[in-house]
Structure formats: structure tokens, C-alpha cells
Amino acid sequence: MESIQKDILVKIEQTLRIEFMANLSQTRRRDAHELMADIFNNFDRQTETRFLTALEENSRESADRIKQLMFTFDDLSRLDAAGMQTLLRSVDKDKLAVALKGASDKMRDFFMQNMSQRAAKMLKEDMEVLGPVRLRDVDEAQSGMVNMAKDLAARGEIQISKKGGEDEMVY
């Protein structure tokens, strides 16, 4: 590839800035914290941590609000049993093993409780066989599962409850 002229890059940057501002003004209906939570949900764990730490230093209140609005891998524990089983059927088993390799014991137990004993045993064996796994691969697998859960929720196949418990079911 050839090098690009500086004036062309400047024009592209100006166009992107104009488009971004136009789109931003059209999406004003949403709260700025909700938009930031959506952006942070798409970051990998390291980037998310870095930005949240910087935001906490400047505006603790905003950082806390954004954290409440974010949907993370740990939030999958709020799925009911039927929702978790639907998610488990939709997720690639190899990705599940990688995602759980970097998860807390509590999250591993939650996933295993929603599987048959045989499937849980096989998953444990798969995780042991994996050996050390790069954090980047774990983040990718976990974000893939979160995105799958969001897709299933958008299609109405599962229901994701809010953190405040306002969507909690009473039987």
C-alpha cells in the first residue's frame, strides 16, 4: 500500500467527526451513562478496568452509575435455570471451557449446576486438558457468551433480570 496524503486523512477525520456528532445528537434520548455502559460492555476486561479506574478518579458517581448499567459475564448468574440451559445449548462447548477457565469458582459452580452431572464432568475434564489459557482468549470467550445471552434476550428466548431485582419473579 502507498502512504496516504495528510490532507486526505484530515478530510476523513472531519467527516467522521461530523457523522459522529450528527448521530450523537439523534441518540440524545438515551442517558449518557447508558451509552457509556454499552461502550464499556464492548471493551475487553483490561481496557474496561483501565477506563473505569480513570473515570473513578475523575467522577466516582458516574463510574458507579455506569457499573450498575453494564452487563458482564458475572451477570449471567442472574439467569434463571431455563435461561441458563438455553444459553448453554447455544454456546460452543470449547468456548464455554475457555470462558469458565478464567471465571470465579462461584460462576463455575453456577454453570455446572445447570448441567447434567455427566456434562459437568466432561466440562471439568475439558478445562483441565486446556492447561494455561491466555487472558485475551478468556475475555473473548466470555464476551462471546455475554453477546449470545444478549442476542437470546433480544429474541425473547431468555430473560435477563436487572441488577436491582425489580424483574425478580415470585412463585
C-alpha atoms as a PDB file:
ATOM      1  CA  MET A   1       0.000   0.000   0.000  1.00  0.00           C
ATOM      2  CA  GLU A   2       1.078   3.527  -0.620  1.00  0.00           C
ATOM      3  CA  SER A   3       1.193   6.205   2.049  1.00  0.00           C
ATOM      4  CA  ILE A   4      -1.877   8.402   2.374  1.00  0.00           C
ATOM      5  CA  GLN A   5      -1.678  12.165   1.971  1.00  0.00           C
ATOM      6  CA  LYS A   6      -2.171  14.148   5.146  1.00  0.00           C
ATOM      7  CA  ASP A   7      -4.945  16.365   3.725  1.00  0.00           C
ATOM      8  CA  ILE A   8      -6.993  13.264   2.829  1.00  0.00           C
ATOM      9  CA  LEU A   9      -6.633  11.954   6.382  1.00  0.00           C
ATOM     10  CA  VAL A  10      -7.729  15.337   7.729  1.00  0.00           C
ATOM     11  CA  LYS A  11     -10.833  15.293   5.492  1.00  0.00           C
ATOM     12  CA  ILE A  12     -11.693  11.753   6.591  1.00  0.00           C
ATOM     13  CA  GLU A  13     -11.293  12.773  10.217  1.00  0.00           C
ATOM     14  CA  GLN A  14     -13.551  15.811   9.717  1.00  0.00           C
ATOM     15  CA  THR A  15     -16.197  13.694   8.002  1.00  0.00           C
ATOM     16  CA  LEU A  16     -16.125  11.108  10.783  1.00  0.00           C
ATOM     17  CA  ARG A  17     -16.362  13.851  13.401  1.00  0.00           C
ATOM     18  CA  ILE A  18     -19.389  15.387  11.644  1.00  0.00           C
ATOM     19  CA  GLU A  19     -21.088  11.982  11.308  1.00  0.00           C
ATOM     20  CA  PHE A  20     -20.357  11.115  14.922  1.00  0.00           C
ATOM     21  CA  MET A  21     -21.790  14.411  16.182  1.00  0.00           C
ATOM     22  CA  ALA A  22     -24.886  14.029  13.966  1.00  0.00           C
ATOM     23  CA  ASN A  23     -25.513  10.525  15.309  1.00  0.00           C
ATOM     24  CA  LEU A  24     -24.860  11.668  18.857  1.00  0.00           C
ATOM     25  CA  SER A  25     -27.474  14.406  18.600  1.00  0.00           C
ATOM     26  CA  GLN A  26     -30.011  11.895  17.277  1.00  0.00           C
ATOM     27  CA  THR A  27     -29.435   9.472  20.162  1.00  0.00           C
ATOM     28  CA  ARG A  28     -29.837  12.072  22.903  1.00  0.00           C
ATOM     29  CA  ARG A  29     -32.970  10.275  24.064  1.00  0.00           C
ATOM     30  CA  ARG A  30     -30.784   7.805  25.944  1.00  0.00           C
ATOM     31  CA  ASP A  31     -28.958   8.696  29.115  1.00  0.00           C
ATOM     32  CA  ALA A  32     -25.230   9.334  28.668  1.00  0.00           C
ATOM     33  CA  HIS A  33     -24.494   6.715  31.336  1.00  0.00           C
ATOM     34  CA  GLU A  34     -26.425   4.088  29.363  1.00  0.00           C
ATOM     35  CA  LEU A  35     -24.428   4.891  26.244  1.00  0.00           C
ATOM     36  CA  MET A  36     -21.169   4.641  28.159  1.00  0.00           C
ATOM     37  CA  ALA A  37     -22.236   1.316  29.686  1.00  0.00           C
ATOM     38  CA  ASP A  38     -22.907  -0.016  26.170  1.00  0.00           C
ATOM     39  CA  ILE A  39     -19.464   1.145  25.058  1.00  0.00           C
ATOM     40  CA  PHE A  40     -17.785  -0.348  28.142  1.00  0.00           C
ATOM     41  CA  ASN A  41     -19.619  -3.655  27.570  1.00  0.00           C
ATOM     42  CA  ASN A  42     -17.775  -3.967  24.255  1.00  0.00           C
ATOM     43  CA  PHE A  43     -14.326  -3.451  25.781  1.00  0.00           C
ATOM     44  CA  ASP A  44     -12.094  -6.322  26.794  1.00  0.00           C
ATOM     45  CA  ARG A  45     -11.624  -6.697  30.541  1.00  0.00           C
ATOM     46  CA  GLN A  46      -8.266  -4.878  30.711  1.00  0.00           C
ATOM     47  CA  THR A  47      -9.463  -1.868  28.734  1.00  0.00           C
ATOM     48  CA  GLU A  48     -12.678  -1.748  30.722  1.00  0.00           C
ATOM     49  CA  THR A  49     -10.758  -1.791  34.003  1.00  0.00           C
ATOM     50  CA  ARG A  50      -8.354   0.897  32.814  1.00  0.00           C
ATOM     51  CA  PHE A  51     -11.146   3.246  31.715  1.00  0.00           C
ATOM     52  CA  LEU A  52     -13.301   2.624  34.780  1.00  0.00           C
ATOM     53  CA  THR A  53     -10.351   3.295  37.065  1.00  0.00           C
ATOM     54  CA  ALA A  54      -9.631   6.579  35.293  1.00  0.00           C
ATOM     55  CA  LEU A  55     -13.313   7.515  35.436  1.00  0.00           C
ATOM     56  CA  GLU A  56     -13.489   6.693  39.152  1.00  0.00           C
ATOM     57  CA  GLU A  57     -10.641   9.113  39.795  1.00  0.00           C
ATOM     58  CA  ASN A  58     -12.469  11.914  37.973  1.00  0.00           C
ATOM     59  CA  SER A  59     -16.116  11.148  38.734  1.00  0.00           C
ATOM     60  CA  ARG A  60     -16.860   8.413  41.250  1.00  0.00           C
ATOM     61  CA  GLU A  61     -20.617   8.947  40.894  1.00  0.00           C
ATOM     62  CA  SER A  62     -20.614   8.449  37.116  1.00  0.00           C
ATOM     63  CA  ALA A  63     -18.372   5.391  37.367  1.00  0.00           C
ATOM     64  CA  ASP A  64     -20.734   3.764  39.861  1.00  0.00           C
ATOM     65  CA  ARG A  65     -23.763   4.513  37.685  1.00  0.00           C
ATOM     66  CA  ILE A  66     -22.071   3.039  34.601  1.00  0.00           C
ATOM     67  CA  LYS A  67     -21.066  -0.107  36.532  1.00  0.00           C
ATOM     68  CA  GLN A  68     -24.692  -0.609  37.552  1.00  0.00           C
ATOM     69  CA  LEU A  69     -25.828  -0.395  33.928  1.00  0.00           C
ATOM     70  CA  MET A  70     -23.173  -2.705  32.478  1.00  0.00           C
ATOM     71  CA  PHE A  71     -23.911  -6.341  31.666  1.00  0.00           C
ATOM     72  CA  THR A  72     -20.915  -8.559  32.295  1.00  0.00           C
ATOM     73  CA  PHE A  73     -20.073 -12.252  32.323  1.00  0.00           C
ATOM     74  CA  ASP A  74     -20.743 -12.405  36.076  1.00  0.00           C
ATOM     75  CA  ASP A  75     -24.260 -11.082  35.431  1.00  0.00           C
ATOM     76  CA  LEU A  76     -25.072 -14.350  33.680  1.00  0.00           C
ATOM     77  CA  SER A  77     -25.555 -15.749  37.195  1.00  0.00           C
ATOM     78  CA  ARG A  78     -28.845 -13.800  37.295  1.00  0.00           C
ATOM     79  CA  LEU A  79     -30.331 -16.035  34.593  1.00  0.00           C
ATOM     80  CA  ASP A  80     -32.960 -18.485  35.725  1.00  0.00           C
ATOM     81  CA  ALA A  81     -32.359 -22.214  35.205  1.00  0.00           C
ATOM     82  CA  ALA A  82     -34.298 -22.366  31.923  1.00  0.00           C
ATOM     83  CA  GLY A  83     -32.462 -19.316  30.570  1.00  0.00           C
ATOM     84  CA  MET A  84     -29.079 -20.717  31.547  1.00  0.00           C
ATOM     85  CA  GLN A  85     -29.850 -24.042  29.880  1.00  0.00           C
ATOM     86  CA  THR A  86     -30.932 -22.219  26.715  1.00  0.00           C
ATOM     87  CA  LEU A  87     -27.649 -20.297  26.763  1.00  0.00           C
ATOM     88  CA  LEU A  88     -25.656 -23.486  27.356  1.00  0.00           C
ATOM     89  CA  ARG A  89     -27.299 -25.133  24.329  1.00  0.00           C
ATOM     90  CA  SER A  90     -26.380 -22.125  22.184  1.00  0.00           C
ATOM     91  CA  VAL A  91     -22.740 -21.804  23.204  1.00  0.00           C
ATOM     92  CA  ASP A  92     -19.864 -23.726  21.635  1.00  0.00           C
ATOM     93  CA  LYS A  93     -18.576 -26.182  24.269  1.00  0.00           C
ATOM     94  CA  ASP A  94     -14.929 -25.322  23.582  1.00  0.00           C
ATOM     95  CA  LYS A  95     -15.647 -21.611  24.146  1.00  0.00           C
ATOM     96  CA  LEU A  96     -17.518 -22.483  27.335  1.00  0.00           C
ATOM     97  CA  ALA A  97     -14.491 -24.327  28.710  1.00  0.00           C
ATOM     98  CA  VAL A  98     -12.200 -21.382  27.921  1.00  0.00           C
ATOM     99  CA  ALA A  99     -14.667 -18.865  29.398  1.00  0.00           C
ATOM    100  CA  LEU A 100     -15.046 -20.836  32.617  1.00  0.00           C
ATOM    101  CA  LYS A 101     -11.302 -21.410  32.875  1.00  0.00           C
ATOM    102  CA  GLY A 102     -10.948 -17.727  33.819  1.00  0.00           C
ATOM    103  CA  ALA A 103     -14.193 -17.476  35.824  1.00  0.00           C
ATOM    104  CA  SER A 104     -14.601 -17.452  39.578  1.00  0.00           C
ATOM    105  CA  ASP A 105     -15.395 -20.689  41.402  1.00  0.00           C
ATOM    106  CA  LYS A 106     -18.869 -19.309  42.110  1.00  0.00           C
ATOM    107  CA  MET A 107     -19.546 -18.816  38.386  1.00  0.00           C
ATOM    108  CA  ARG A 108     -18.167 -22.265  37.526  1.00  0.00           C
ATOM    109  CA  ASP A 109     -20.432 -23.843  40.119  1.00  0.00           C
ATOM    110  CA  PHE A 110     -23.428 -21.915  38.799  1.00  0.00           C
ATOM    111  CA  PHE A 111     -22.833 -23.167  35.268  1.00  0.00           C
ATOM    112  CA  MET A 112     -22.187 -26.732  36.412  1.00  0.00           C
ATOM    113  CA  GLN A 113     -25.394 -26.781  38.494  1.00  0.00           C
ATOM    114  CA  ASN A 114     -27.353 -26.110  35.318  1.00  0.00           C
ATOM    115  CA  MET A 115     -25.823 -29.082  33.502  1.00  0.00           C
ATOM    116  CA  SER A 116     -26.224 -32.805  33.858  1.00  0.00           C
ATOM    117  CA  GLN A 117     -23.621 -34.479  36.058  1.00  0.00           C
ATOM    118  CA  ARG A 118     -22.123 -36.162  33.015  1.00  0.00           C
ATOM    119  CA  ALA A 119     -21.877 -32.889  31.052  1.00  0.00           C
ATOM    120  CA  ALA A 120     -20.384 -31.096  34.067  1.00  0.00           C
ATOM    121  CA  LYS A 121     -17.791 -33.842  34.499  1.00  0.00           C
ATOM    122  CA  MET A 122     -16.858 -33.670  30.805  1.00  0.00           C
ATOM    123  CA  LEU A 123     -16.574 -29.865  31.011  1.00  0.00           C
ATOM    124  CA  LYS A 124     -14.254 -30.135  34.035  1.00  0.00           C
ATOM    125  CA  GLU A 125     -12.085 -32.600  32.132  1.00  0.00           C
ATOM    126  CA  ASP A 126     -12.010 -30.299  29.094  1.00  0.00           C
ATOM    127  CA  MET A 127     -10.933 -27.401  31.301  1.00  0.00           C
ATOM    128  CA  GLU A 128      -8.127 -29.481  32.850  1.00  0.00           C
ATOM    129  CA  VAL A 129      -6.895 -30.583  29.426  1.00  0.00           C
ATOM    130  CA  LEU A 130      -6.731 -26.954  28.238  1.00  0.00           C
ATOM    131  CA  GLY A 131      -3.863 -26.128  30.577  1.00  0.00           C
ATOM    132  CA  PRO A 132      -2.896 -22.442  30.825  1.00  0.00           C
ATOM    133  CA  VAL A 133      -5.072 -20.140  28.713  1.00  0.00           C
ATOM    134  CA  ARG A 134      -4.310 -16.583  27.629  1.00  0.00           C
ATOM    135  CA  LEU A 135      -6.398 -13.934  29.374  1.00  0.00           C
ATOM    136  CA  ARG A 136      -7.251 -12.459  25.981  1.00  0.00           C
ATOM    137  CA  ASP A 137      -8.810 -15.798  24.930  1.00  0.00           C
ATOM    138  CA  VAL A 138     -10.796 -15.976  28.172  1.00  0.00           C
ATOM    139  CA  ASP A 139     -12.076 -12.407  27.687  1.00  0.00           C
ATOM    140  CA  GLU A 140     -13.039 -13.193  24.100  1.00  0.00           C
ATOM    141  CA  ALA A 141     -14.917 -16.358  25.092  1.00  0.00           C
ATOM    142  CA  GLN A 142     -16.693 -14.616  27.968  1.00  0.00           C
ATOM    143  CA  SER A 143     -17.713 -11.621  25.860  1.00  0.00           C
ATOM    144  CA  GLY A 144     -18.966 -14.041  23.197  1.00  0.00           C
ATOM    145  CA  MET A 145     -21.187 -15.693  25.797  1.00  0.00           C
ATOM    146  CA  VAL A 146     -22.455 -12.309  27.016  1.00  0.00           C
ATOM    147  CA  ASN A 147     -23.247 -11.314  23.430  1.00  0.00           C
ATOM    148  CA  MET A 148     -25.024 -14.639  22.876  1.00  0.00           C
ATOM    149  CA  ALA A 149     -27.115 -14.009  26.020  1.00  0.00           C
ATOM    150  CA  LYS A 150     -27.988 -10.521  24.778  1.00  0.00           C
ATOM    151  CA  ASP A 151     -29.000 -11.950  21.381  1.00  0.00           C
ATOM    152  CA  LEU A 152     -31.166 -14.614  23.013  1.00  0.00           C
ATOM    153  CA  ALA A 153     -32.783 -11.977  25.224  1.00  0.00           C
ATOM    154  CA  ALA A 154     -33.453  -9.747  22.207  1.00  0.00           C
ATOM    155  CA  ARG A 155     -35.212 -12.677  20.500  1.00  0.00           C
ATOM    156  CA  GLY A 156     -37.234 -13.326  23.655  1.00  0.00           C
ATOM    157  CA  GLU A 157     -35.763 -16.782  24.250  1.00  0.00           C
ATOM    158  CA  ILE A 158     -34.356 -15.875  27.678  1.00  0.00           C
ATOM    159  CA  GLN A 159     -34.991 -13.107  30.171  1.00  0.00           C
ATOM    160  CA  ILE A 160     -32.171 -11.178  31.790  1.00  0.00           C
ATOM    161  CA  SER A 161     -33.158  -9.642  35.107  1.00  0.00           C
ATOM    162  CA  LYS A 162     -31.896  -6.231  36.164  1.00  0.00           C
ATOM    163  CA  LYS A 163     -29.343  -5.844  38.953  1.00  0.00           C
ATOM    164  CA  GLY A 164     -31.767  -4.077  41.258  1.00  0.00           C
ATOM    165  CA  GLY A 165     -34.004  -7.131  41.437  1.00  0.00           C
ATOM    166  CA  GLU A 166     -37.003  -5.272  40.016  1.00  0.00           C
ATOM    167  CA  ASP A 167     -37.557  -8.043  37.468  1.00  0.00           C
ATOM    168  CA  GLU A 168     -37.352 -10.763  40.088  1.00  0.00           C
ATOM    169  CA  MET A 169     -40.053 -13.410  39.808  1.00  0.00           C
ATOM    170  CA  VAL A 170     -42.212 -14.576  42.709  1.00  0.00           C
ATOM    171  CA  TYR A 171     -43.589 -18.121  42.628  1.00  0.00           C
END
